[in-house]
Amino acid sequence: MNITILGWVLAASLWGFLPTGIFAQSTSDKLNQMGIEARFHGNYPLAMQYFKMSAEKGNAKAQSNLGYGYLSGLGIQQDPDQAFRWFQKSADQGDAEGAYGKGFCYENGLGVASDTDKARENYQRASQLGYKGAGTALKRLEDIPVAVSSPSGAPSGPSVTGDQTAPDTTPSKASKTPGKKGKKKR
């Protein structure tokens, strides 16, 4: 098998044997693209391997893709803590999908304590960065009041993190619809 010098350089850059620099970004982009292609073809475990390699090299898109993998459990063990971690890394680099994923985690308490205000902040950032789905998420949060801090820093006003259990809607004997009879036993 005849392998050229260029082939060796490409192989070395793909597996991280060359110092960071011109090859580092293109390598992480290529690994992320390979992950996208594997996911497209339904090979989720392989996709997650590529996303992880790229994410560890600092690729914000791959970090976001890896976050969604950990959130969904497709191709990798579901782990909301890891999902939040990767979304945070992605969002910190200015990635719109990472900011949206981070907001989703805050909204739903996945890998982090539920915090509607932080969810709203991240959705707003995602929207500013061009993520179209962030507007829908912001509308979903419109009816939830924004926490107002007192001068001491403690929230004042109604708490959105208190006990929000749904009322019992189990039908009682008294609430059965009149005129309807149960099935007869034979």
N, C-alpha and C. Protein backbone atom coordinates (compact mmCIF):
# COMPACT_ATOMS: atom_id res chain seq x y z
N MET A 1 0.84 -1.18 0.00
CA MET A 1 0.00 0.00 0.00
C MET A 1 0.89 1.24 0.00
N ASN A 2 0.67 2.15 -0.91
CA ASN A 2 1.48 3.34 -1.05
C ASN A 2 0.78 4.52 -0.37
N ILE A 3 1.34 4.99 0.73
CA ILE A 3 0.75 6.12 1.46
C ILE A 3 1.66 7.33 1.27
N THR A 4 1.08 8.41 0.81
CA THR A 4 1.86 9.62 0.57
C THR A 4 2.08 10.40 1.86
N ILE A 5 2.98 11.34 1.77
CA ILE A 5 3.26 12.23 2.92
C ILE A 5 1.98 12.95 3.32
N LEU A 6 1.21 13.41 2.34
CA LEU A 6 -0.05 14.11 2.64
C LEU A 6 -0.99 13.19 3.40
N GLY A 7 -1.03 11.93 3.04
CA GLY A 7 -1.87 10.96 3.74
C GLY A 7 -1.46 10.82 5.20
N TRP A 8 -0.14 10.77 5.43
CA TRP A 8 0.36 10.68 6.81
C TRP A 8 0.01 11.93 7.60
N VAL A 9 0.12 13.09 6.98
CA VAL A 9 -0.20 14.34 7.66
C VAL A 9 -1.69 14.38 8.01
N LEU A 10 -2.53 13.97 7.07
CA LEU A 10 -3.96 13.94 7.32
C LEU A 10 -4.30 12.97 8.45
N ALA A 11 -3.73 11.78 8.40
CA ALA A 11 -3.98 10.80 9.45
C ALA A 11 -3.51 11.31 10.80
N ALA A 12 -2.33 11.90 10.84
CA ALA A 12 -1.79 12.43 12.10
C ALA A 12 -2.65 13.56 12.64
N SER A 13 -3.16 14.39 11.76
CA SER A 13 -4.00 15.51 12.22
C SER A 13 -5.35 15.01 12.72
N LEU A 14 -5.92 13.99 12.07
CA LEU A 14 -7.20 13.46 12.50
C LEU A 14 -7.12 12.83 13.89
N TRP A 15 -6.01 12.23 14.21
CA TRP A 15 -5.89 11.54 15.49
C TRP A 15 -5.15 12.36 16.54
N GLY A 16 -4.89 13.65 16.25
CA GLY A 16 -4.36 14.55 17.27
C GLY A 16 -2.87 14.44 17.51
N PHE A 17 -2.11 13.90 16.58
CA PHE A 17 -0.67 13.77 16.78
C PHE A 17 0.10 15.02 16.36
N LEU A 18 -0.57 15.95 15.71
CA LEU A 18 0.10 17.20 15.34
C LEU A 18 -0.26 18.27 16.36
N PRO A 19 0.63 19.23 16.57
CA PRO A 19 0.31 20.30 17.52
C PRO A 19 -0.87 21.12 17.03
N THR A 20 -1.52 21.79 17.97
CA THR A 20 -2.66 22.62 17.59
C THR A 20 -2.19 23.71 16.64
N GLY A 21 -3.06 24.21 15.88
CA GLY A 21 -2.71 25.21 14.88
C GLY A 21 -3.64 25.07 13.70
N ILE A 22 -3.08 25.15 12.52
CA ILE A 22 -3.89 25.15 11.32
C ILE A 22 -4.70 23.87 11.16
N PHE A 23 -4.17 22.72 11.60
CA PHE A 23 -4.88 21.46 11.43
C PHE A 23 -5.94 21.25 12.51
N ALA A 24 -5.79 21.87 13.67
CA ALA A 24 -6.69 21.61 14.79
C ALA A 24 -8.14 21.94 14.47
N GLN A 25 -8.40 23.12 13.95
CA GLN A 25 -9.77 23.51 13.66
C GLN A 25 -10.36 22.67 12.53
N SER A 26 -9.59 22.48 11.48
CA SER A 26 -10.13 21.69 10.37
C SER A 26 -10.35 20.24 10.79
N THR A 27 -9.51 19.72 11.68
CA THR A 27 -9.68 18.36 12.17
C THR A 27 -10.98 18.24 12.96
N SER A 28 -11.22 19.17 13.87
CA SER A 28 -12.44 19.09 14.68
C SER A 28 -13.68 19.30 13.82
N ASP A 29 -13.57 20.17 12.81
CA ASP A 29 -14.70 20.36 11.90
C ASP A 29 -14.98 19.07 11.12
N LYS A 30 -13.91 18.42 10.67
CA LYS A 30 -14.06 17.19 9.90
C LYS A 30 -14.68 16.08 10.77
N LEU A 31 -14.20 15.96 12.01
CA LEU A 31 -14.76 14.96 12.92
C LEU A 31 -16.23 15.23 13.19
N ASN A 32 -16.59 16.50 13.39
CA ASN A 32 -17.99 16.85 13.61
C ASN A 32 -18.82 16.49 12.38
N GLN A 33 -18.30 16.80 11.19
CA GLN A 33 -19.02 16.47 9.95
C GLN A 33 -19.19 14.96 9.80
N MET A 34 -18.18 14.20 10.18
CA MET A 34 -18.27 12.74 10.11
C MET A 34 -19.35 12.25 11.09
N GLY A 35 -19.46 12.91 12.23
CA GLY A 35 -20.50 12.57 13.20
C GLY A 35 -21.89 12.87 12.65
N ILE A 36 -22.03 14.00 11.97
CA ILE A 36 -23.32 14.36 11.37
C ILE A 36 -23.71 13.33 10.31
N GLU A 37 -22.74 12.91 9.50
CA GLU A 37 -23.03 11.91 8.47
C GLU A 37 -23.40 10.56 9.09
N ALA A 38 -22.69 10.16 10.13
CA ALA A 38 -23.02 8.90 10.79
C ALA A 38 -24.41 8.96 11.41
N ARG A 39 -24.76 10.09 12.02
CA ARG A 39 -26.09 10.25 12.61
C ARG A 39 -27.16 10.21 11.52
N PHE A 40 -26.90 10.85 10.39
CA PHE A 40 -27.83 10.86 9.27
C PHE A 40 -28.14 9.44 8.80
N HIS A 41 -27.12 8.58 8.82
CA HIS A 41 -27.29 7.19 8.38
C HIS A 41 -27.75 6.27 9.50
N GLY A 42 -28.07 6.84 10.66
CA GLY A 42 -28.63 6.06 11.76
C GLY A 42 -27.61 5.35 12.62
N ASN A 43 -26.33 5.62 12.41
CA ASN A 43 -25.29 5.00 13.22
C ASN A 43 -24.96 5.93 14.40
N TYR A 44 -25.85 5.94 15.38
CA TYR A 44 -25.73 6.88 16.50
C TYR A 44 -24.49 6.63 17.37
N PRO A 45 -24.13 5.38 17.67
CA PRO A 45 -22.92 5.19 18.48
C PRO A 45 -21.66 5.76 17.80
N LEU A 46 -21.52 5.54 16.50
CA LEU A 46 -20.38 6.08 15.77
C LEU A 46 -20.44 7.61 15.74
N ALA A 47 -21.63 8.15 15.54
CA ALA A 47 -21.80 9.60 15.53
C ALA A 47 -21.33 10.21 16.85
N MET A 48 -21.72 9.59 17.95
CA MET A 48 -21.34 10.12 19.27
C MET A 48 -19.83 10.04 19.48
N GLN A 49 -19.19 8.99 18.94
CA GLN A 49 -17.73 8.90 19.05
C GLN A 49 -17.06 10.06 18.32
N TYR A 50 -17.54 10.35 17.11
CA TYR A 50 -16.97 11.46 16.34
C TYR A 50 -17.25 12.81 17.04
N PHE A 51 -18.48 12.98 17.52
CA PHE A 51 -18.81 14.23 18.21
C PHE A 51 -17.93 14.42 19.44
N LYS A 52 -17.70 13.33 20.16
CA LYS A 52 -16.90 13.44 21.38
C LYS A 52 -15.45 13.83 21.05
N MET A 53 -14.88 13.19 20.03
CA MET A 53 -13.51 13.54 19.64
C MET A 53 -13.42 15.01 19.23
N SER A 54 -14.39 15.47 18.46
CA SER A 54 -14.40 16.85 18.01
C SER A 54 -14.66 17.81 19.17
N ALA A 55 -15.59 17.46 20.03
CA ALA A 55 -15.94 18.30 21.18
C ALA A 55 -14.74 18.48 22.10
N GLU A 56 -14.00 17.40 22.31
CA GLU A 56 -12.82 17.48 23.17
C GLU A 56 -11.73 18.35 22.58
N LYS A 57 -11.78 18.56 21.27
CA LYS A 57 -10.84 19.47 20.60
C LYS A 57 -11.35 20.91 20.63
N GLY A 58 -12.54 21.12 21.22
CA GLY A 58 -13.06 22.48 21.40
C GLY A 58 -14.06 22.93 20.36
N ASN A 59 -14.55 22.04 19.50
CA ASN A 59 -15.51 22.43 18.47
C ASN A 59 -16.89 22.66 19.10
N ALA A 60 -17.36 23.91 19.03
CA ALA A 60 -18.63 24.29 19.68
C ALA A 60 -19.83 23.54 19.09
N LYS A 61 -19.86 23.34 17.79
CA LYS A 61 -20.98 22.61 17.17
C LYS A 61 -20.99 21.16 17.64
N ALA A 62 -19.82 20.54 17.71
CA ALA A 62 -19.73 19.16 18.18
C ALA A 62 -20.12 19.07 19.65
N GLN A 63 -19.75 20.08 20.44
CA GLN A 63 -20.12 20.09 21.85
C GLN A 63 -21.64 20.11 21.99
N SER A 64 -22.29 20.91 21.16
CA SER A 64 -23.75 20.97 21.17
C SER A 64 -24.34 19.63 20.71
N ASN A 65 -23.80 19.06 19.64
CA ASN A 65 -24.28 17.76 19.15
C ASN A 65 -24.11 16.68 20.21
N LEU A 66 -23.00 16.70 20.91
CA LEU A 66 -22.75 15.73 21.97
C LEU A 66 -23.74 15.94 23.11
N GLY A 67 -24.03 17.20 23.42
CA GLY A 67 -25.03 17.51 24.44
C GLY A 67 -26.39 16.92 24.10
N TYR A 68 -26.81 17.07 22.84
CA TYR A 68 -28.09 16.50 22.42
C TYR A 68 -28.06 14.97 22.49
N GLY A 69 -26.91 14.38 22.19
CA GLY A 69 -26.78 12.93 22.31
C GLY A 69 -26.96 12.46 23.75
N TYR A 70 -26.28 13.14 24.67
CA TYR A 70 -26.43 12.79 26.08
C TYR A 70 -27.85 13.05 26.58
N LEU A 71 -28.50 14.06 26.04
CA LEU A 71 -29.87 14.37 26.46
C LEU A 71 -30.85 13.31 25.95
N SER A 72 -30.69 12.88 24.70
CA SER A 72 -31.63 11.92 24.10
C SER A 72 -31.29 10.47 24.41
N GLY A 73 -30.01 10.20 24.63
CA GLY A 73 -29.59 8.82 24.84
C GLY A 73 -29.43 8.03 23.55
N LEU A 74 -29.41 8.71 22.42
CA LEU A 74 -29.23 8.03 21.14
C LEU A 74 -27.74 7.81 20.90
N GLY A 75 -27.31 6.55 20.93
CA GLY A 75 -25.93 6.22 20.64
C GLY A 75 -24.99 6.35 21.82
N ILE A 76 -25.51 6.77 22.94
CA ILE A 76 -24.68 6.96 24.13
C ILE A 76 -25.60 6.89 25.34
N GLN A 77 -25.06 6.51 26.48
CA GLN A 77 -25.88 6.43 27.69
C GLN A 77 -26.45 7.81 28.02
N GLN A 78 -27.76 7.88 28.24
CA GLN A 78 -28.40 9.15 28.57
C GLN A 78 -27.83 9.68 29.88
N ASP A 79 -27.42 10.95 29.87
CA ASP A 79 -26.79 11.55 31.04
C ASP A 79 -27.04 13.06 31.02
N PRO A 80 -28.11 13.52 31.69
CA PRO A 80 -28.43 14.95 31.67
C PRO A 80 -27.32 15.84 32.22
N ASP A 81 -26.53 15.34 33.18
CA ASP A 81 -25.42 16.13 33.71
C ASP A 81 -24.39 16.40 32.62
N GLN A 82 -24.05 15.36 31.85
CA GLN A 82 -23.11 15.53 30.75
C GLN A 82 -23.70 16.41 29.65
N ALA A 83 -24.99 16.26 29.40
CA ALA A 83 -25.65 17.09 28.38
C ALA A 83 -25.48 18.56 28.75
N PHE A 84 -25.81 18.89 30.00
CA PHE A 84 -25.69 20.29 30.43
C PHE A 84 -24.24 20.76 30.32
N ARG A 85 -23.30 19.93 30.72
CA ARG A 85 -21.88 20.30 30.67
C ARG A 85 -21.46 20.68 29.25
N TRP A 86 -21.85 19.86 28.27
CA TRP A 86 -21.45 20.12 26.89
C TRP A 86 -22.20 21.30 26.29
N PHE A 87 -23.49 21.46 26.65
CA PHE A 87 -24.22 22.64 26.19
C PHE A 87 -23.57 23.91 26.73
N GLN A 88 -23.14 23.87 27.98
CA GLN A 88 -22.52 25.04 28.60
C GLN A 88 -21.21 25.40 27.87
N LYS A 89 -20.39 24.39 27.58
CA LYS A 89 -19.14 24.65 26.85
C LYS A 89 -19.44 25.26 25.48
N SER A 90 -20.44 24.73 24.81
CA SER A 90 -20.81 25.23 23.49
C SER A 90 -21.33 26.66 23.56
N ALA A 91 -22.23 26.90 24.51
CA ALA A 91 -22.81 28.24 24.68
C ALA A 91 -21.74 29.26 25.05
N ASP A 92 -20.78 28.86 25.85
CA ASP A 92 -19.70 29.77 26.25
C ASP A 92 -18.88 30.23 25.05
N GLN A 93 -18.91 29.46 23.97
CA GLN A 93 -18.21 29.85 22.75
C GLN A 93 -19.10 30.62 21.78
N GLY A 94 -20.33 30.89 22.20
CA GLY A 94 -21.23 31.67 21.35
C GLY A 94 -22.03 30.86 20.36
N ASP A 95 -22.20 29.57 20.62
CA ASP A 95 -22.99 28.72 19.73
C ASP A 95 -24.47 28.81 20.08
N ALA A 96 -25.30 29.12 19.10
CA ALA A 96 -26.74 29.31 19.32
C ALA A 96 -27.41 28.02 19.81
N GLU A 97 -27.07 26.88 19.22
CA GLU A 97 -27.69 25.61 19.63
C GLU A 97 -27.27 25.23 21.04
N GLY A 98 -26.03 25.55 21.40
CA GLY A 98 -25.58 25.30 22.76
C GLY A 98 -26.34 26.15 23.77
N ALA A 99 -26.58 27.42 23.43
CA ALA A 99 -27.34 28.30 24.31
C ALA A 99 -28.77 27.80 24.46
N TYR A 100 -29.37 27.34 23.36
CA TYR A 100 -30.73 26.80 23.42
C TYR A 100 -30.77 25.55 24.29
N GLY A 101 -29.83 24.63 24.07
CA GLY A 101 -29.78 23.41 24.87
C GLY A 101 -29.59 23.70 26.34
N LYS A 102 -28.76 24.67 26.65
CA LYS A 102 -28.53 25.07 28.04
C LYS A 102 -29.82 25.63 28.64
N GLY A 103 -30.54 26.44 27.87
CA GLY A 103 -31.83 26.97 28.32
C GLY A 103 -32.83 25.86 28.56
N PHE A 104 -32.86 24.89 27.66
CA PHE A 104 -33.78 23.75 27.81
C PHE A 104 -33.48 22.98 29.10
N CYS A 105 -32.20 22.79 29.38
CA CYS A 105 -31.82 22.09 30.62
C CYS A 105 -32.27 22.88 31.84
N TYR A 106 -32.06 24.20 31.82
CA TYR A 106 -32.52 25.03 32.95
C TYR A 106 -34.03 25.00 33.08
N GLU A 107 -34.74 25.06 31.97
CA GLU A 107 -36.20 25.06 32.02
C GLU A 107 -36.74 23.77 32.62
N ASN A 108 -36.12 22.66 32.30
CA ASN A 108 -36.64 21.36 32.69
C ASN A 108 -35.88 20.69 33.84
N GLY A 109 -34.89 21.38 34.39
CA GLY A 109 -34.13 20.80 35.49
C GLY A 109 -33.36 19.56 35.09
N LEU A 110 -32.74 19.58 33.93
CA LEU A 110 -31.98 18.43 33.42
C LEU A 110 -30.48 18.69 33.60
N GLY A 111 -29.89 18.01 34.54
CA GLY A 111 -28.46 18.18 34.80
C GLY A 111 -28.12 19.41 35.60
N VAL A 112 -29.13 20.15 35.97
CA VAL A 112 -28.97 21.40 36.72
C VAL A 112 -30.31 21.69 37.39
N ALA A 113 -30.28 22.46 38.46
CA ALA A 113 -31.54 22.82 39.13
C ALA A 113 -32.40 23.65 38.18
N SER A 114 -33.69 23.40 38.20
CA SER A 114 -34.61 24.15 37.36
C SER A 114 -34.55 25.64 37.72
N ASP A 115 -34.42 26.49 36.72
CA ASP A 115 -34.32 27.93 36.94
C ASP A 115 -34.89 28.64 35.71
N THR A 116 -36.12 29.09 35.84
CA THR A 116 -36.82 29.70 34.72
C THR A 116 -36.11 30.96 34.22
N ASP A 117 -35.57 31.75 35.14
CA ASP A 117 -34.88 32.98 34.73
C ASP A 117 -33.64 32.67 33.90
N LYS A 118 -32.86 31.67 34.31
CA LYS A 118 -31.67 31.29 33.54
C LYS A 118 -32.08 30.66 32.21
N ALA A 119 -33.19 29.93 32.21
CA ALA A 119 -33.70 29.37 30.95
C ALA A 119 -34.03 30.51 30.00
N ARG A 120 -34.73 31.50 30.50
CA ARG A 120 -35.13 32.65 29.69
C ARG A 120 -33.89 33.38 29.13
N GLU A 121 -32.88 33.59 29.98
CA GLU A 121 -31.64 34.26 29.55
C GLU A 121 -30.97 33.50 28.41
N ASN A 122 -30.90 32.19 28.55
CA ASN A 122 -30.24 31.38 27.52
C ASN A 122 -31.05 31.31 26.24
N TYR A 123 -32.37 31.25 26.35
CA TYR A 123 -33.21 31.28 25.15
C TYR A 123 -33.07 32.63 24.44
N GLN A 124 -33.01 33.71 25.21
CA GLN A 124 -32.83 35.03 24.60
C GLN A 124 -31.49 35.11 23.88
N ARG A 125 -30.46 34.56 24.49
CA ARG A 125 -29.13 34.55 23.86
C ARG A 125 -29.17 33.71 22.58
N ALA A 126 -29.81 32.56 22.65
CA ALA A 126 -29.93 31.70 21.46
C ALA A 126 -30.66 32.43 20.35
N SER A 127 -31.70 33.17 20.71
CA SER A 127 -32.45 33.95 19.72
C SER A 127 -31.57 35.02 19.09
N GLN A 128 -30.80 35.72 19.91
CA GLN A 128 -29.89 36.76 19.41
C GLN A 128 -28.83 36.17 18.49
N LEU A 129 -28.45 34.92 18.76
CA LEU A 129 -27.45 34.25 17.93
C LEU A 129 -28.05 33.62 16.68
N GLY A 130 -29.39 33.72 16.54
CA GLY A 130 -30.04 33.26 15.32
C GLY A 130 -30.75 31.93 15.39
N TYR A 131 -30.93 31.37 16.58
CA TYR A 131 -31.63 30.09 16.68
C TYR A 131 -33.13 30.34 16.62
N LYS A 132 -33.78 29.88 15.57
CA LYS A 132 -35.19 30.19 15.32
C LYS A 132 -36.15 29.60 16.36
N GLY A 133 -35.86 28.43 16.89
CA GLY A 133 -36.73 27.78 17.87
C GLY A 133 -36.76 28.47 19.22
N ALA A 134 -35.84 29.39 19.45
CA ALA A 134 -35.78 30.06 20.75
C ALA A 134 -37.00 30.94 20.99
N GLY A 135 -37.57 31.50 19.94
CA GLY A 135 -38.77 32.33 20.08
C GLY A 135 -39.93 31.54 20.65
N THR A 136 -40.11 30.33 20.19
CA THR A 136 -41.17 29.45 20.71
C THR A 136 -40.94 29.16 22.19
N ALA A 137 -39.69 28.90 22.55
CA ALA A 137 -39.37 28.62 23.95
C ALA A 137 -39.65 29.84 24.82
N LEU A 138 -39.31 31.02 24.32
CA LEU A 138 -39.57 32.25 25.08
C LEU A 138 -41.07 32.47 25.27
N LYS A 139 -41.87 32.18 24.25
CA LYS A 139 -43.33 32.31 24.38
C LYS A 139 -43.86 31.35 25.44
N ARG A 140 -43.27 30.15 25.48
CA ARG A 140 -43.68 29.16 26.46
C ARG A 140 -43.45 29.67 27.88
N LEU A 141 -42.44 30.49 28.07
CA LEU A 141 -42.10 31.01 29.40
C LEU A 141 -42.78 32.34 29.73
N GLU A 142 -43.54 32.90 28.79
CA GLU A 142 -44.15 34.22 29.00
C GLU A 142 -45.04 34.29 30.24
N ASP A 143 -45.78 33.25 30.54
CA ASP A 143 -46.71 33.28 31.66
C ASP A 143 -46.05 33.03 33.01
N ILE A 144 -44.76 32.72 32.99
CA ILE A 144 -44.05 32.48 34.25
C ILE A 144 -43.39 33.78 34.67
N PRO A 145 -43.71 34.27 35.88
CA PRO A 145 -43.16 35.56 36.30
C PRO A 145 -41.64 35.51 36.45
N VAL A 146 -41.03 36.65 36.15
CA VAL A 146 -39.59 36.81 36.33
C VAL A 146 -39.34 37.05 37.81
N ALA A 147 -38.37 36.34 38.39
CA ALA A 147 -38.04 36.54 39.79
C ALA A 147 -37.41 37.92 39.95
N VAL A 148 -37.87 38.66 40.96
CA VAL A 148 -37.34 39.99 41.25
C VAL A 148 -36.51 39.86 42.51
N SER A 149 -35.27 40.33 42.46
CA SER A 149 -34.40 40.23 43.62
C SER A 149 -34.55 41.43 44.51
N SER A 150 -34.49 41.19 45.82
CA SER A 150 -34.50 42.28 46.79
C SER A 150 -33.08 42.82 46.88
N PRO A 151 -32.89 43.97 47.54
CA PRO A 151 -31.54 44.52 47.65
C PRO A 151 -30.54 43.54 48.27
N SER A 152 -31.00 42.63 49.12
CA SER A 152 -30.09 41.66 49.74
C SER A 152 -29.72 40.53 48.78
N GLY A 153 -30.38 40.48 47.63
CA GLY A 153 -30.10 39.45 46.63
C GLY A 153 -31.05 38.27 46.70
N ALA A 154 -31.87 38.21 47.75
CA ALA A 154 -32.84 37.12 47.87
C ALA A 154 -34.04 37.42 47.00
N PRO A 155 -34.62 36.42 46.35
CA PRO A 155 -35.79 36.68 45.52
C PRO A 155 -36.95 37.18 46.38
N SER A 156 -37.72 38.08 45.80
CA SER A 156 -38.93 38.55 46.47
C SER A 156 -40.10 38.29 45.55
N GLY A 157 -41.28 38.32 46.09
CA GLY A 157 -42.45 38.08 45.27
C GLY A 157 -42.73 36.60 45.16
N PRO A 158 -43.63 36.22 44.26
CA PRO A 158 -44.03 34.81 44.17
C PRO A 158 -42.87 33.93 43.71
N SER A 159 -42.79 32.78 44.32
CA SER A 159 -41.74 31.84 43.96
C SER A 159 -42.24 30.91 42.87
N VAL A 160 -41.41 30.69 41.87
CA VAL A 160 -41.78 29.77 40.80
C VAL A 160 -41.15 28.41 41.04
N THR A 161 -40.42 28.26 42.14
CA THR A 161 -39.77 26.97 42.41
C THR A 161 -40.43 26.23 43.56
N GLY A 162 -41.53 26.75 44.07
CA GLY A 162 -42.22 26.10 45.19
C GLY A 162 -42.94 24.84 44.75
N ASP A 163 -43.74 24.29 45.66
CA ASP A 163 -44.48 23.07 45.37
C ASP A 163 -45.54 23.36 44.31
N GLN A 164 -45.38 22.75 43.17
CA GLN A 164 -46.31 23.00 42.06
C GLN A 164 -47.00 21.70 41.67
N THR A 165 -47.39 20.93 42.66
CA THR A 165 -48.05 19.67 42.34
C THR A 165 -49.44 19.94 41.79
N ALA A 166 -49.83 19.15 40.86
CA ALA A 166 -51.14 19.31 40.22
C ALA A 166 -52.22 18.84 41.18
N PRO A 167 -53.39 19.47 41.13
CA PRO A 167 -54.48 19.02 41.99
C PRO A 167 -54.91 17.61 41.59
N ASP A 168 -55.46 16.88 42.56
CA ASP A 168 -55.92 15.52 42.31
C ASP A 168 -57.15 15.57 41.41
N THR A 169 -57.06 14.94 40.27
CA THR A 169 -58.18 14.94 39.32
C THR A 169 -58.79 13.56 39.18
N THR A 170 -58.50 12.68 40.14
CA THR A 170 -59.08 11.34 40.12
C THR A 170 -60.58 11.44 40.34
N PRO A 171 -61.37 10.85 39.46
CA PRO A 171 -62.83 10.97 39.63
C PRO A 171 -63.28 10.24 40.90
N SER A 172 -64.13 10.89 41.65
CA SER A 172 -64.70 10.26 42.84
C SER A 172 -66.06 9.69 42.48
N LYS A 173 -66.64 8.90 43.39
CA LYS A 173 -67.95 8.30 43.12
C LYS A 173 -69.00 9.37 42.92
N ALA A 174 -68.88 10.48 43.64
CA ALA A 174 -69.87 11.54 43.55
C ALA A 174 -69.78 12.29 42.22
N SER A 175 -68.64 12.22 41.54
CA SER A 175 -68.49 13.02 40.32
C SER A 175 -68.77 12.23 39.05
N LYS A 176 -69.28 11.00 39.17
CA LYS A 176 -69.59 10.22 37.97
C LYS A 176 -70.71 10.90 37.20
N THR A 177 -70.65 10.78 35.90
CA THR A 177 -71.64 11.39 35.04
C THR A 177 -72.99 10.75 35.27
N PRO A 178 -74.02 11.56 35.57
CA PRO A 178 -75.35 10.98 35.78
C PRO A 178 -75.88 10.33 34.50
N GLY A 179 -76.63 9.27 34.67
CA GLY A 179 -77.25 8.64 33.51
C GLY A 179 -76.40 7.55 32.90
N LYS A 180 -75.13 7.45 33.25
CA LYS A 180 -74.27 6.40 32.70
C LYS A 180 -74.17 5.30 33.73
N LYS A 181 -74.34 4.10 33.25
CA LYS A 181 -74.27 2.96 34.14
C LYS A 181 -73.06 2.12 33.75
N GLY A 182 -72.49 1.47 34.76
CA GLY A 182 -71.35 0.60 34.51
C GLY A 182 -71.78 -0.66 33.76
N LYS A 183 -70.81 -1.40 33.26
CA LYS A 183 -71.11 -2.65 32.57
C LYS A 183 -71.61 -3.68 33.55
N LYS A 184 -72.57 -4.47 33.10
CA LYS A 184 -73.11 -5.54 33.93
C LYS A 184 -72.17 -6.72 33.89
N LYS A 185 -72.01 -7.35 35.03
CA LYS A 185 -71.18 -8.54 35.09
C LYS A 185 -72.03 -9.72 34.71
N ARG A 186 -71.50 -10.64 33.98
CA ARG A 186 -72.25 -11.82 33.57
C ARG A 186 -71.75 -13.03 34.25
